[in-house]
């Protein structure tokens, strides 16, 4: 177990040092496949700002009137251990929560301690870092593979994949009581 943890940290640090040719940035539109209560649909997110606070518009293909804007302050991007996952209509100013991104604190704590306690869907659960996975997404340049840090809860029922980029800890894939997975990034929406 200790050896696999050391290998995970080594891989994480090595991947951070690699030069990336693709980055998710302001002006991108992220398209996720979502499965919720047996219904499959898309969620689209337009990135309006990434630094110092995160601002994005979102809407669901199943109901275009179900849309909103989320603002995540810099402090939440750094320290939040709770994820906002409801996506109620209208504007949301999050204070102690993050949404679609994990905080630096959550990832760093998980890497240093092997696990982090996160509040997801209203419940606190310990999540363990279980490795690095590759997720294929599509861009205007075609298919690209992105490295993700993988976290699982103790029962291995919930799973979160986060982009392996300390400057942009975007949730790429999540399986809880519902699921989502990034499939497409459009540039300059």
C-alpha atoms as a PDB file:
ATOM      1  CA  UNK A   1       0.000   0.000   0.000  1.00  0.00           C
ATOM      2  CA  UNK A   2       2.773   2.438   0.939  1.00  0.00           C
ATOM      3  CA  UNK A   3       4.647   1.636  -2.271  1.00  0.00           C
ATOM      4  CA  UNK A   4       1.563   2.260  -4.415  1.00  0.00           C
ATOM      5  CA  UNK A   5       1.024   5.580  -2.614  1.00  0.00           C
ATOM      6  CA  UNK A   6       4.644   6.601  -3.321  1.00  0.00           C
ATOM      7  CA  UNK A   7       4.204   5.604  -6.991  1.00  0.00           C
ATOM      8  CA  UNK A   8       0.985   7.637  -7.173  1.00  0.00           C
ATOM      9  CA  UNK A   9       2.735  10.743  -5.812  1.00  0.00           C
ATOM     10  CA  UNK A  10       5.688  10.203  -8.164  1.00  0.00           C
ATOM     11  CA  UNK A  11       3.393   9.856 -11.162  1.00  0.00           C
ATOM     12  CA  UNK A  12       1.427  12.928 -10.083  1.00  0.00           C
ATOM     13  CA  UNK A  13       4.552  15.073  -9.767  1.00  0.00           C
ATOM     14  CA  UNK A  14       5.965  13.720 -13.023  1.00  0.00           C
ATOM     15  CA  UNK A  15       2.751  14.456 -14.908  1.00  0.00           C
ATOM     16  CA  UNK A  16       2.645  17.971 -13.500  1.00  0.00           C
ATOM     17  CA  UNK A  17       6.086  18.595 -14.983  1.00  0.00           C
ATOM     18  CA  UNK A  18       5.098  17.398 -18.463  1.00  0.00           C
ATOM     19  CA  UNK A  19       4.276  20.036 -21.031  1.00  0.00           C
ATOM     20  CA  UNK A  20       0.613  19.905 -22.026  1.00  0.00           C
ATOM     21  CA  UNK A  21      -0.485  20.814 -25.521  1.00  0.00           C
ATOM     22  CA  UNK A  22      -4.133  21.187 -24.494  1.00  0.00           C
ATOM     23  CA  UNK A  23      -5.520  23.224 -21.621  1.00  0.00           C
ATOM     24  CA  UNK A  24      -9.041  23.980 -20.508  1.00  0.00           C
ATOM     25  CA  UNK A  25      -9.365  27.745 -20.406  1.00  0.00           C
ATOM     26  CA  UNK A  26     -11.687  30.738 -20.284  1.00  0.00           C
ATOM     27  CA  UNK A  27     -13.870  30.797 -23.379  1.00  0.00           C
ATOM     28  CA  UNK A  28     -14.222  27.007 -23.596  1.00  0.00           C
ATOM     29  CA  UNK A  29     -17.542  25.233 -23.598  1.00  0.00           C
ATOM     30  CA  UNK A  30     -17.504  21.926 -21.716  1.00  0.00           C
ATOM     31  CA  UNK A  31     -20.071  19.324 -22.759  1.00  0.00           C
ATOM     32  CA  UNK A  32     -20.827  16.536 -20.293  1.00  0.00           C
ATOM     33  CA  UNK A  33     -22.965  13.423 -20.680  1.00  0.00           C
ATOM     34  CA  UNK A  34     -25.254  13.165 -17.638  1.00  0.00           C
ATOM     35  CA  UNK A  35     -27.357  10.292 -16.330  1.00  0.00           C
ATOM     36  CA  UNK A  36     -29.871  11.355 -13.668  1.00  0.00           C
ATOM     37  CA  UNK A  37     -32.858   9.314 -12.431  1.00  0.00           C
ATOM     38  CA  UNK A  38     -32.764   7.153 -15.560  1.00  0.00           C
ATOM     39  CA  UNK A  39     -32.668  10.119 -17.963  1.00  0.00           C
ATOM     40  CA  UNK A  40     -29.652  10.729 -20.210  1.00  0.00           C
ATOM     41  CA  UNK A  41     -28.916  14.276 -21.370  1.00  0.00           C
ATOM     42  CA  UNK A  42     -26.121  16.789 -21.876  1.00  0.00           C
ATOM     43  CA  UNK A  43     -24.958  19.540 -19.560  1.00  0.00           C
ATOM     44  CA  UNK A  44     -23.154  22.425 -21.218  1.00  0.00           C
ATOM     45  CA  UNK A  45     -20.873  24.779 -19.312  1.00  0.00           C
ATOM     46  CA  UNK A  46     -19.482  28.018 -20.730  1.00  0.00           C
ATOM     47  CA  UNK A  47     -16.354  29.111 -18.864  1.00  0.00           C
ATOM     48  CA  UNK A  48     -16.521  32.861 -18.271  1.00  0.00           C
ATOM     49  CA  UNK A  49     -13.608  33.167 -15.801  1.00  0.00           C
ATOM     50  CA  UNK A  50     -11.073  30.785 -14.254  1.00  0.00           C
ATOM     51  CA  UNK A  51      -8.959  33.097 -12.092  1.00  0.00           C
ATOM     52  CA  UNK A  52      -9.107  34.452  -9.438  1.00  0.00           C
ATOM     53  CA  UNK A  53     -12.709  33.258  -9.118  1.00  0.00           C
ATOM     54  CA  UNK A  54     -14.485  30.682 -11.247  1.00  0.00           C
ATOM     55  CA  UNK A  55     -17.577  31.810 -13.157  1.00  0.00           C
ATOM     56  CA  UNK A  56     -19.556  29.674 -15.563  1.00  0.00           C
ATOM     57  CA  UNK A  57     -22.967  29.510 -17.210  1.00  0.00           C
ATOM     58  CA  UNK A  58     -24.637  26.114 -17.460  1.00  0.00           C
ATOM     59  CA  UNK A  59     -27.744  24.574 -18.980  1.00  0.00           C
ATOM     60  CA  UNK A  60     -29.248  21.147 -19.544  1.00  0.00           C
ATOM     61  CA  UNK A  61     -30.283  19.772 -22.943  1.00  0.00           C
ATOM     62  CA  UNK A  62     -33.263  18.012 -21.370  1.00  0.00           C
ATOM     63  CA  UNK A  63     -34.737  21.373 -20.302  1.00  0.00           C
ATOM     64  CA  UNK A  64     -33.161  24.548 -21.719  1.00  0.00           C
ATOM     65  CA  UNK A  65     -34.973  26.639 -19.094  1.00  0.00           C
ATOM     66  CA  UNK A  66     -33.029  24.791 -16.385  1.00  0.00           C
ATOM     67  CA  UNK A  67     -29.941  26.966 -16.504  1.00  0.00           C
ATOM     68  CA  UNK A  68     -27.910  29.311 -14.393  1.00  0.00           C
ATOM     69  CA  UNK A  69     -24.624  30.946 -13.542  1.00  0.00           C
ATOM     70  CA  UNK A  70     -22.284  29.719 -10.808  1.00  0.00           C
ATOM     71  CA  UNK A  71     -19.636  31.893  -9.130  1.00  0.00           C
ATOM     72  CA  UNK A  72     -16.996  30.189  -6.996  1.00  0.00           C
ATOM     73  CA  UNK A  73     -14.775  32.587  -5.042  1.00  0.00           C
ATOM     74  CA  UNK A  74     -11.022  32.120  -4.884  1.00  0.00           C
ATOM     75  CA  UNK A  75     -11.210  30.999  -1.219  1.00  0.00           C
ATOM     76  CA  UNK A  76     -13.583  28.138  -2.104  1.00  0.00           C
ATOM     77  CA  UNK A  77     -11.354  27.080  -5.023  1.00  0.00           C
ATOM     78  CA  UNK A  78      -8.514  26.866  -2.525  1.00  0.00           C
ATOM     79  CA  UNK A  79     -10.233  25.382   0.557  1.00  0.00           C
ATOM     80  CA  UNK A  80     -13.707  23.891  -0.106  1.00  0.00           C
ATOM     81  CA  UNK A  81     -14.425  20.307   0.952  1.00  0.00           C
ATOM     82  CA  UNK A  82     -18.066  20.401  -0.157  1.00  0.00           C
ATOM     83  CA  UNK A  83     -19.362  20.073  -3.723  1.00  0.00           C
ATOM     84  CA  UNK A  84     -22.494  21.855  -4.914  1.00  0.00           C
ATOM     85  CA  UNK A  85     -24.282  19.290  -7.112  1.00  0.00           C
ATOM     86  CA  UNK A  86     -27.938  20.426  -7.251  1.00  0.00           C
ATOM     87  CA  UNK A  87     -27.877  22.785 -10.241  1.00  0.00           C
ATOM     88  CA  UNK A  88     -30.986  24.758  -9.323  1.00  0.00           C
ATOM     89  CA  UNK A  89     -32.128  27.387 -11.816  1.00  0.00           C
ATOM     90  CA  UNK A  90     -30.689  30.867 -11.627  1.00  0.00           C
ATOM     91  CA  UNK A  91     -27.515  32.471 -10.314  1.00  0.00           C
ATOM     92  CA  UNK A  92     -25.569  30.861  -7.440  1.00  0.00           C
ATOM     93  CA  UNK A  93     -22.819  32.513  -5.431  1.00  0.00           C
ATOM     94  CA  UNK A  94     -21.036  29.696  -3.604  1.00  0.00           C
ATOM     95  CA  UNK A  95     -19.101  30.555  -0.477  1.00  0.00           C
ATOM     96  CA  UNK A  96     -17.846  27.371   1.209  1.00  0.00           C
ATOM     97  CA  UNK A  97     -18.486  25.029  -1.704  1.00  0.00           C
ATOM     98  CA  UNK A  98     -17.007  24.285  -5.055  1.00  0.00           C
ATOM     99  CA  UNK A  99     -18.809  23.016  -8.132  1.00  0.00           C
ATOM    100  CA  UNK A 100     -17.361  21.071 -11.079  1.00  0.00           C
ATOM    101  CA  UNK A 101     -13.865  21.671  -9.632  1.00  0.00           C
ATOM    102  CA  UNK A 102     -12.155  20.262  -6.548  1.00  0.00           C
ATOM    103  CA  UNK A 103     -10.268  22.637  -4.301  1.00  0.00           C
ATOM    104  CA  UNK A 104      -6.482  22.717  -3.950  1.00  0.00           C
ATOM    105  CA  UNK A 105      -6.920  21.779  -0.285  1.00  0.00           C
ATOM    106  CA  UNK A 106      -8.979  18.672  -1.115  1.00  0.00           C
ATOM    107  CA  UNK A 107      -6.478  17.410  -3.680  1.00  0.00           C
ATOM    108  CA  UNK A 108      -3.364  18.258  -1.653  1.00  0.00           C
ATOM    109  CA  UNK A 109      -4.847  16.685   1.502  1.00  0.00           C
ATOM    110  CA  UNK A 110      -5.781  13.582  -0.457  1.00  0.00           C
ATOM    111  CA  UNK A 111      -2.306  13.279  -1.940  1.00  0.00           C
ATOM    112  CA  UNK A 112      -0.498  13.876   1.372  1.00  0.00           C
ATOM    113  CA  UNK A 113      -2.777  11.682   3.523  1.00  0.00           C
ATOM    114  CA  UNK A 114      -3.993   9.162   0.955  1.00  0.00           C
ATOM    115  CA  UNK A 115      -7.597  10.287   1.530  1.00  0.00           C
ATOM    116  CA  UNK A 116      -9.766  13.363   1.964  1.00  0.00           C
ATOM    117  CA  UNK A 117     -13.253  13.790   3.432  1.00  0.00           C
ATOM    118  CA  UNK A 118     -15.617  15.459   0.953  1.00  0.00           C
ATOM    119  CA  UNK A 119     -19.277  16.413   1.176  1.00  0.00           C
ATOM    120  CA  UNK A 120     -20.968  15.233  -2.019  1.00  0.00           C
ATOM    121  CA  UNK A 121     -24.762  15.110  -2.477  1.00  0.00           C
ATOM    122  CA  UNK A 122     -25.155  16.276   1.120  1.00  0.00           C
ATOM    123  CA  UNK A 123     -23.119  13.450   2.697  1.00  0.00           C
ATOM    124  CA  UNK A 124     -19.578  13.505   4.070  1.00  0.00           C
ATOM    125  CA  UNK A 125     -17.490  10.539   2.913  1.00  0.00           C
ATOM    126  CA  UNK A 126     -13.787   9.734   2.914  1.00  0.00           C
ATOM    127  CA  UNK A 127     -12.381   9.447  -0.597  1.00  0.00           C
ATOM    128  CA  UNK A 128      -9.117   7.660  -1.341  1.00  0.00           C
ATOM    129  CA  UNK A 129      -6.824   8.436  -4.239  1.00  0.00           C
ATOM    130  CA  UNK A 130      -6.704   5.181  -6.173  1.00  0.00           C
ATOM    131  CA  UNK A 131      -4.498   6.080  -9.107  1.00  0.00           C
ATOM    132  CA  UNK A 132      -4.179   7.970 -12.330  1.00  0.00           C
ATOM    133  CA  UNK A 133      -6.474   7.238 -15.267  1.00  0.00           C
ATOM    134  CA  UNK A 134      -6.679   8.583 -18.788  1.00  0.00           C
ATOM    135  CA  UNK A 135      -9.913  10.007 -20.146  1.00  0.00           C
ATOM    136  CA  UNK A 136     -10.401  10.601 -23.866  1.00  0.00           C
ATOM    137  CA  UNK A 137     -12.309  13.754 -24.781  1.00  0.00           C
ATOM    138  CA  UNK A 138     -12.865  15.521 -28.086  1.00  0.00           C
ATOM    139  CA  UNK A 139     -11.785  19.012 -29.141  1.00  0.00           C
ATOM    140  CA  UNK A 140     -11.664  20.890 -32.437  1.00  0.00           C
ATOM    141  CA  UNK A 141      -8.325  19.111 -33.025  1.00  0.00           C
ATOM    142  CA  UNK A 142      -9.912  15.678 -32.552  1.00  0.00           C
ATOM    143  CA  UNK A 143      -9.532  13.157 -29.734  1.00  0.00           C
ATOM    144  CA  UNK A 144      -7.140  13.921 -26.901  1.00  0.00           C
ATOM    145  CA  UNK A 145      -6.241  11.975 -23.762  1.00  0.00           C
ATOM    146  CA  UNK A 146      -6.128  13.790 -20.445  1.00  0.00           C
ATOM    147  CA  UNK A 147      -4.588  12.446 -17.237  1.00  0.00           C
ATOM    148  CA  UNK A 148      -6.962  12.320 -14.271  1.00  0.00           C
ATOM    149  CA  UNK A 149      -6.535  11.690 -10.549  1.00  0.00           C
ATOM    150  CA  UNK A 150      -9.070   9.084  -9.474  1.00  0.00           C
ATOM    151  CA  UNK A 151     -10.794   9.159  -6.060  1.00  0.00           C
ATOM    152  CA  UNK A 152     -13.187   6.547  -4.655  1.00  0.00           C
ATOM    153  CA  UNK A 153     -15.202   6.393  -1.463  1.00  0.00           C
ATOM    154  CA  UNK A 154     -14.719   3.481   0.971  1.00  0.00           C
ATOM    155  CA  UNK A 155     -17.573   1.442  -0.485  1.00  0.00           C
ATOM    156  CA  UNK A 156     -16.322   2.152  -4.051  1.00  0.00           C
ATOM    157  CA  UNK A 157     -19.814   3.373  -4.875  1.00  0.00           C
ATOM    158  CA  UNK A 158     -18.862   6.995  -5.509  1.00  0.00           C
ATOM    159  CA  UNK A 159     -16.019   7.972  -7.805  1.00  0.00           C
ATOM    160  CA  UNK A 160     -14.529  11.312  -8.899  1.00  0.00           C
ATOM    161  CA  UNK A 161     -11.953  11.835 -11.646  1.00  0.00           C
ATOM    162  CA  UNK A 162     -10.161  15.197 -11.548  1.00  0.00           C
ATOM    163  CA  UNK A 163      -7.971  16.731 -14.241  1.00  0.00           C
ATOM    164  CA  UNK A 164      -4.324  16.238 -13.252  1.00  0.00           C
ATOM    165  CA  UNK A 165      -3.518  19.963 -13.319  1.00  0.00           C
ATOM    166  CA  UNK A 166      -3.011  21.768 -10.010  1.00  0.00           C
ATOM    167  CA  UNK A 167      -4.017  25.043 -11.666  1.00  0.00           C
ATOM    168  CA  UNK A 168      -7.290  23.610 -12.965  1.00  0.00           C
ATOM    169  CA  UNK A 169      -8.743  20.755 -10.884  1.00  0.00           C
ATOM    170  CA  UNK A 170     -11.770  20.239 -13.126  1.00  0.00           C
ATOM    171  CA  UNK A 171     -14.019  17.257 -12.420  1.00  0.00           C
ATOM    172  CA  UNK A 172     -13.839  15.178 -15.578  1.00  0.00           C
ATOM    173  CA  UNK A 173     -16.018  12.277 -14.482  1.00  0.00           C
ATOM    174  CA  UNK A 174     -18.187  11.644 -11.427  1.00  0.00           C
ATOM    175  CA  UNK A 175     -20.309   8.705 -10.337  1.00  0.00           C
ATOM    176  CA  UNK A 176     -22.543   9.278  -7.299  1.00  0.00           C
ATOM    177  CA  UNK A 177     -26.320   8.785  -7.139  1.00  0.00           C
ATOM    178  CA  UNK A 178     -26.112  10.287 -10.635  1.00  0.00           C
ATOM    179  CA  UNK A 179     -23.231  10.504 -13.093  1.00  0.00           C
ATOM    180  CA  UNK A 180     -21.514  12.852 -15.494  1.00  0.00           C
ATOM    181  CA  UNK A 181     -18.554  12.595 -17.843  1.00  0.00           C
ATOM    182  CA  UNK A 182     -16.833  15.256 -19.923  1.00  0.00           C
ATOM    183  CA  UNK A 183     -16.935  14.302 -23.591  1.00  0.00           C
ATOM    184  CA  UNK A 184     -16.284  17.480 -25.585  1.00  0.00           C
ATOM    185  CA  UNK A 185     -14.455  20.787 -25.192  1.00  0.00           C
ATOM    186  CA  UNK A 186     -15.349  23.519 -27.662  1.00  0.00           C
ATOM    187  CA  UNK A 187     -12.967  26.434 -27.927  1.00  0.00           C
ATOM    188  CA  UNK A 188     -14.203  30.036 -28.136  1.00  0.00           C
ATOM    189  CA  UNK A 189     -17.930  29.308 -27.695  1.00  0.00           C
END
